[in-house]
N, C-alpha and C. Protein backbone atom coordinates (compact mmCIF):
# COMPACT_ATOMS: atom_id res chain seq x y z
N MET A 1 56.29 163.25 82.27
CA MET A 1 55.28 162.42 81.63
C MET A 1 55.58 162.29 80.14
N LYS A 2 55.91 163.41 79.49
CA LYS A 2 56.19 163.39 78.07
C LYS A 2 57.46 162.59 77.79
N ALA A 3 58.48 162.76 78.62
CA ALA A 3 59.75 162.04 78.44
C ALA A 3 59.55 160.54 78.65
N GLU A 4 58.70 160.17 79.60
CA GLU A 4 58.41 158.75 79.84
C GLU A 4 57.75 158.13 78.62
N PHE A 5 56.82 158.86 78.03
CA PHE A 5 56.13 158.36 76.83
C PHE A 5 57.10 158.17 75.68
N VAL A 6 57.98 159.14 75.48
CA VAL A 6 58.97 159.06 74.40
C VAL A 6 59.91 157.86 74.65
N ASN A 7 60.36 157.70 75.88
CA ASN A 7 61.23 156.57 76.20
C ASN A 7 60.53 155.23 75.99
N GLU A 8 59.27 155.17 76.37
CA GLU A 8 58.50 153.93 76.19
C GLU A 8 58.31 153.61 74.71
N MET A 9 57.98 154.62 73.92
CA MET A 9 57.81 154.41 72.48
C MET A 9 59.14 154.00 71.83
N PHE A 10 60.22 154.64 72.24
CA PHE A 10 61.54 154.30 71.71
C PHE A 10 61.88 152.85 72.05
N SER A 11 61.58 152.44 73.27
CA SER A 11 61.86 151.07 73.69
C SER A 11 61.04 150.06 72.88
N LEU A 12 59.79 150.37 72.62
CA LEU A 12 58.94 149.48 71.82
C LEU A 12 59.45 149.35 70.38
N ILE A 13 59.82 150.48 69.80
CA ILE A 13 60.33 150.47 68.43
C ILE A 13 61.66 149.71 68.37
N GLU A 14 62.52 149.96 69.31
CA GLU A 14 63.82 149.28 69.35
C GLU A 14 63.65 147.77 69.51
N ALA A 15 62.73 147.35 70.37
CA ALA A 15 62.49 145.92 70.57
C ALA A 15 61.96 145.28 69.30
N HIS A 16 61.09 145.98 68.59
CA HIS A 16 60.55 145.45 67.34
C HIS A 16 61.64 145.31 66.29
N VAL A 17 62.47 146.31 66.14
CA VAL A 17 63.55 146.28 65.15
C VAL A 17 64.54 145.16 65.47
N GLU A 18 64.89 145.00 66.73
CA GLU A 18 65.85 143.97 67.12
C GLU A 18 65.27 142.56 67.01
N SER A 19 63.96 142.43 67.03
CA SER A 19 63.35 141.10 66.96
C SER A 19 63.35 140.54 65.54
N ARG A 20 63.52 141.38 64.54
CA ARG A 20 63.53 140.95 63.14
C ARG A 20 64.96 140.80 62.64
N PRO A 21 65.22 139.76 61.86
CA PRO A 21 66.56 139.61 61.29
C PRO A 21 66.87 140.74 60.31
N SER A 22 68.13 141.12 60.27
CA SER A 22 68.57 142.16 59.36
C SER A 22 68.81 141.56 57.97
N PRO A 23 68.93 142.39 56.95
CA PRO A 23 69.20 141.87 55.60
C PRO A 23 70.47 141.01 55.54
N ILE A 24 71.50 141.37 56.28
CA ILE A 24 72.73 140.57 56.26
C ILE A 24 72.48 139.20 56.88
N GLU A 25 71.60 139.12 57.88
CA GLU A 25 71.27 137.84 58.47
C GLU A 25 70.52 136.95 57.47
N PHE A 26 69.65 137.55 56.66
CA PHE A 26 68.97 136.78 55.62
C PHE A 26 69.99 136.24 54.61
N GLU A 27 70.95 137.06 54.24
CA GLU A 27 71.99 136.63 53.30
C GLU A 27 72.83 135.50 53.90
N MET A 28 73.19 135.63 55.16
CA MET A 28 73.98 134.59 55.81
C MET A 28 73.18 133.29 55.91
N ALA A 29 71.89 133.39 56.18
CA ALA A 29 71.05 132.18 56.24
C ALA A 29 70.99 131.51 54.87
N TYR A 30 70.89 132.29 53.82
CA TYR A 30 70.87 131.74 52.46
C TYR A 30 72.19 131.04 52.16
N GLN A 31 73.31 131.68 52.51
CA GLN A 31 74.61 131.07 52.28
C GLN A 31 74.78 129.80 53.11
N ALA A 32 74.25 129.79 54.32
CA ALA A 32 74.31 128.58 55.16
C ALA A 32 73.54 127.44 54.51
N ARG A 33 72.39 127.74 53.91
CA ARG A 33 71.62 126.68 53.23
C ARG A 33 72.37 126.13 52.03
N ILE A 34 73.07 126.98 51.32
CA ILE A 34 73.88 126.51 50.20
C ILE A 34 74.98 125.59 50.72
N ALA A 35 75.64 126.01 51.82
CA ALA A 35 76.70 125.18 52.40
C ALA A 35 76.14 123.84 52.88
N ILE A 36 74.95 123.85 53.47
CA ILE A 36 74.31 122.61 53.93
C ILE A 36 74.10 121.66 52.76
N ASP A 37 73.58 122.18 51.65
CA ASP A 37 73.35 121.34 50.47
C ASP A 37 74.66 120.77 49.93
N ARG A 38 75.69 121.57 49.90
CA ARG A 38 76.98 121.11 49.36
C ARG A 38 77.64 120.10 50.29
N ILE A 39 77.51 120.28 51.59
CA ILE A 39 78.07 119.30 52.53
C ILE A 39 77.33 117.97 52.39
N ARG A 40 76.00 118.03 52.28
CA ARG A 40 75.23 116.78 52.06
C ARG A 40 75.70 116.07 50.80
N PHE A 41 75.91 116.83 49.73
CA PHE A 41 76.39 116.26 48.47
C PHE A 41 77.75 115.59 48.68
N ALA A 42 78.66 116.27 49.38
CA ALA A 42 80.00 115.72 49.61
C ALA A 42 79.93 114.45 50.44
N ILE A 43 79.11 114.44 51.47
CA ILE A 43 78.95 113.25 52.31
C ILE A 43 78.42 112.08 51.48
N LYS A 44 77.38 112.35 50.71
CA LYS A 44 76.76 111.30 49.89
C LYS A 44 77.78 110.70 48.91
N HIS A 45 78.50 111.55 48.22
CA HIS A 45 79.45 111.06 47.23
C HIS A 45 80.67 110.38 47.88
N THR A 46 81.08 110.86 49.03
CA THR A 46 82.19 110.22 49.73
C THR A 46 81.79 108.81 50.15
N GLU A 47 80.56 108.66 50.65
CA GLU A 47 80.08 107.34 51.06
C GLU A 47 79.93 106.40 49.88
N GLN A 48 79.47 106.92 48.75
CA GLN A 48 79.21 106.07 47.58
C GLN A 48 80.48 105.72 46.81
N PHE A 49 81.35 106.69 46.60
CA PHE A 49 82.45 106.50 45.67
C PHE A 49 83.83 106.55 46.30
N GLY A 50 83.95 107.00 47.52
CA GLY A 50 85.26 107.15 48.14
C GLY A 50 85.81 105.84 48.64
N PRO A 51 87.12 105.77 48.74
CA PRO A 51 87.74 104.56 49.27
C PRO A 51 87.42 104.43 50.76
N ARG A 52 87.36 103.22 51.24
CA ARG A 52 87.06 102.97 52.66
C ARG A 52 88.36 103.02 53.45
N SER A 53 88.57 104.15 54.12
CA SER A 53 89.77 104.28 54.95
C SER A 53 89.43 105.08 56.19
N ASP A 54 90.31 105.02 57.16
CA ASP A 54 90.09 105.77 58.40
C ASP A 54 90.07 107.27 58.15
N GLN A 55 90.90 107.74 57.22
CA GLN A 55 90.94 109.16 56.92
C GLN A 55 89.63 109.64 56.29
N ILE A 56 89.09 108.85 55.38
CA ILE A 56 87.81 109.20 54.75
C ILE A 56 86.69 109.16 55.78
N ARG A 57 86.72 108.18 56.65
CA ARG A 57 85.71 108.07 57.70
C ARG A 57 85.77 109.30 58.62
N GLU A 58 86.98 109.71 58.99
CA GLU A 58 87.16 110.90 59.84
C GLU A 58 86.67 112.16 59.12
N ALA A 59 86.99 112.26 57.83
CA ALA A 59 86.52 113.42 57.06
C ALA A 59 84.99 113.44 57.02
N GLY A 60 84.37 112.28 56.87
CA GLY A 60 82.91 112.20 56.87
C GLY A 60 82.32 112.65 58.20
N LEU A 61 82.97 112.25 59.29
CA LEU A 61 82.49 112.68 60.62
C LEU A 61 82.63 114.19 60.80
N GLN A 62 83.72 114.75 60.29
CA GLN A 62 83.90 116.19 60.37
C GLN A 62 82.83 116.92 59.55
N LEU A 63 82.52 116.38 58.38
CA LEU A 63 81.47 116.98 57.55
C LEU A 63 80.11 116.88 58.24
N LEU A 64 79.82 115.74 58.86
CA LEU A 64 78.55 115.59 59.59
C LEU A 64 78.45 116.59 60.74
N ASP A 65 79.56 116.81 61.44
CA ASP A 65 79.57 117.78 62.53
C ASP A 65 79.29 119.18 62.01
N ALA A 66 79.95 119.55 60.91
CA ALA A 66 79.72 120.87 60.31
C ALA A 66 78.28 121.01 59.84
N LEU A 67 77.75 119.94 59.25
CA LEU A 67 76.36 119.96 58.79
C LEU A 67 75.39 120.17 59.94
N GLN A 68 75.59 119.47 61.03
CA GLN A 68 74.72 119.62 62.19
C GLN A 68 74.78 121.03 62.76
N ARG A 69 75.97 121.60 62.82
CA ARG A 69 76.10 122.96 63.34
C ARG A 69 75.38 123.98 62.46
N LEU A 70 75.51 123.83 61.15
CA LEU A 70 74.82 124.74 60.24
C LEU A 70 73.31 124.56 60.32
N GLU A 71 72.84 123.33 60.48
CA GLU A 71 71.40 123.09 60.59
C GLU A 71 70.83 123.71 61.86
N ILE A 72 71.58 123.68 62.94
CA ILE A 72 71.14 124.31 64.20
C ILE A 72 71.01 125.82 64.00
N VAL A 73 72.01 126.42 63.37
CA VAL A 73 71.96 127.87 63.12
C VAL A 73 70.79 128.20 62.20
N ASP A 74 70.56 127.36 61.19
CA ASP A 74 69.45 127.60 60.27
C ASP A 74 68.11 127.52 60.99
N ARG A 75 67.95 126.54 61.87
CA ARG A 75 66.70 126.43 62.65
C ARG A 75 66.49 127.65 63.54
N ARG A 76 67.54 128.13 64.18
CA ARG A 76 67.43 129.33 65.02
C ARG A 76 67.00 130.53 64.19
N PHE A 77 67.60 130.66 63.00
CA PHE A 77 67.23 131.77 62.13
C PHE A 77 65.76 131.66 61.73
N GLN A 78 65.31 130.46 61.36
CA GLN A 78 63.91 130.26 60.98
C GLN A 78 62.98 130.64 62.11
N GLU A 79 63.31 130.22 63.33
CA GLU A 79 62.47 130.56 64.48
C GLU A 79 62.43 132.07 64.70
N ARG A 80 63.59 132.71 64.60
CA ARG A 80 63.66 134.15 64.83
C ARG A 80 62.91 134.92 63.74
N SER A 81 63.05 134.48 62.50
CA SER A 81 62.41 135.22 61.41
C SER A 81 60.90 135.03 61.43
N ARG A 82 60.43 133.91 61.95
CA ARG A 82 58.98 133.67 62.02
C ARG A 82 58.35 134.32 63.24
N SER A 83 59.13 134.65 64.24
CA SER A 83 58.56 135.19 65.47
C SER A 83 57.88 136.53 65.25
N GLY A 84 58.28 137.27 64.21
CA GLY A 84 57.68 138.57 63.96
C GLY A 84 56.61 138.55 62.90
N THR A 85 56.29 137.36 62.33
CA THR A 85 55.28 137.28 61.29
C THR A 85 53.96 136.80 61.86
N LYS A 86 52.92 137.02 61.11
CA LYS A 86 51.59 136.58 61.53
C LYS A 86 51.48 135.07 61.39
N PRO A 87 50.69 134.40 62.24
CA PRO A 87 50.50 132.96 62.10
C PRO A 87 49.92 132.63 60.72
N GLY A 88 50.46 131.58 60.12
CA GLY A 88 49.98 131.17 58.80
C GLY A 88 50.65 131.89 57.66
N HIS A 89 51.43 132.94 57.95
CA HIS A 89 52.12 133.70 56.91
C HIS A 89 53.50 133.12 56.72
N VAL A 90 53.85 132.80 55.50
CA VAL A 90 55.17 132.26 55.21
C VAL A 90 56.01 133.39 54.66
N GLY A 91 57.11 133.68 55.33
CA GLY A 91 57.99 134.75 54.91
C GLY A 91 58.89 134.30 53.78
N ALA A 92 59.57 135.26 53.18
CA ALA A 92 60.46 134.96 52.06
C ALA A 92 61.59 134.03 52.46
N CYS A 93 62.00 134.05 53.72
CA CYS A 93 63.10 133.21 54.14
C CYS A 93 62.72 131.75 54.15
N ALA A 94 61.43 131.44 54.20
CA ALA A 94 60.99 130.06 54.26
C ALA A 94 60.84 129.45 52.88
N GLN A 95 60.94 130.26 51.84
CA GLN A 95 60.82 129.73 50.49
C GLN A 95 62.05 128.93 50.16
N GLU A 96 61.88 127.88 49.37
CA GLU A 96 63.01 127.04 49.00
C GLU A 96 64.02 127.77 48.15
N GLY A 97 63.56 128.48 47.15
CA GLY A 97 64.50 129.12 46.23
C GLY A 97 64.35 130.61 46.25
N ALA A 98 65.33 131.28 45.72
CA ALA A 98 65.30 132.74 45.72
C ALA A 98 64.24 133.27 44.77
N ASP A 99 63.83 132.45 43.79
CA ASP A 99 62.83 132.93 42.84
C ASP A 99 61.41 132.55 43.25
N GLY A 100 61.26 131.85 44.40
CA GLY A 100 59.94 131.50 44.91
C GLY A 100 59.31 130.30 44.24
N ASN A 101 60.01 129.66 43.31
CA ASN A 101 59.47 128.51 42.61
C ASN A 101 60.19 127.22 42.99
N GLY A 102 60.91 127.23 44.08
CA GLY A 102 61.61 126.04 44.52
C GLY A 102 62.93 125.82 43.80
N ARG A 103 63.29 126.72 42.90
CA ARG A 103 64.58 126.59 42.20
C ARG A 103 65.61 127.44 42.91
N ARG A 104 66.78 126.87 43.05
CA ARG A 104 67.88 127.61 43.66
C ARG A 104 68.78 128.14 42.58
N TYR A 105 69.28 129.32 42.82
CA TYR A 105 70.23 129.88 41.87
C TYR A 105 71.58 129.21 42.08
N SER A 106 72.28 129.01 41.02
CA SER A 106 73.59 128.37 41.11
C SER A 106 74.64 129.33 40.59
N HIS A 107 75.76 129.36 41.28
CA HIS A 107 76.86 130.20 40.84
C HIS A 107 77.85 129.41 40.01
N GLY A 108 77.66 128.10 39.92
CA GLY A 108 78.56 127.24 39.19
C GLY A 108 77.90 126.74 37.92
N PRO A 109 78.61 125.89 37.18
CA PRO A 109 78.05 125.34 35.95
C PRO A 109 76.88 124.42 36.26
N THR A 110 75.90 124.40 35.39
CA THR A 110 74.75 123.54 35.55
C THR A 110 74.93 122.31 34.68
N SER A 111 74.34 121.22 35.12
CA SER A 111 74.49 119.99 34.33
C SER A 111 73.20 119.64 33.64
């Protein structure tokens, strides 16, 4: 009886821990969002300023494919990270910027 209780408690705790994203998953989701923004920027500028050629068109399609794949992964992460929170509660992963004010940190030069 005592061993069954311990096993049941262990299983409950393990399920709870596995249902929440780990810190490395939060970091990867943040990096994916940065990549999504940069791919969108590249697509936009290629369409506006790039020469019209088959190679540029193919590069644009490859970028769109990469963008879609990253967006799918980001949506899965959002669903997983919200599954363990209370309804109506917005977790840190749902904030736009790392500082909570909608500003993103940049590792490159600012304009």
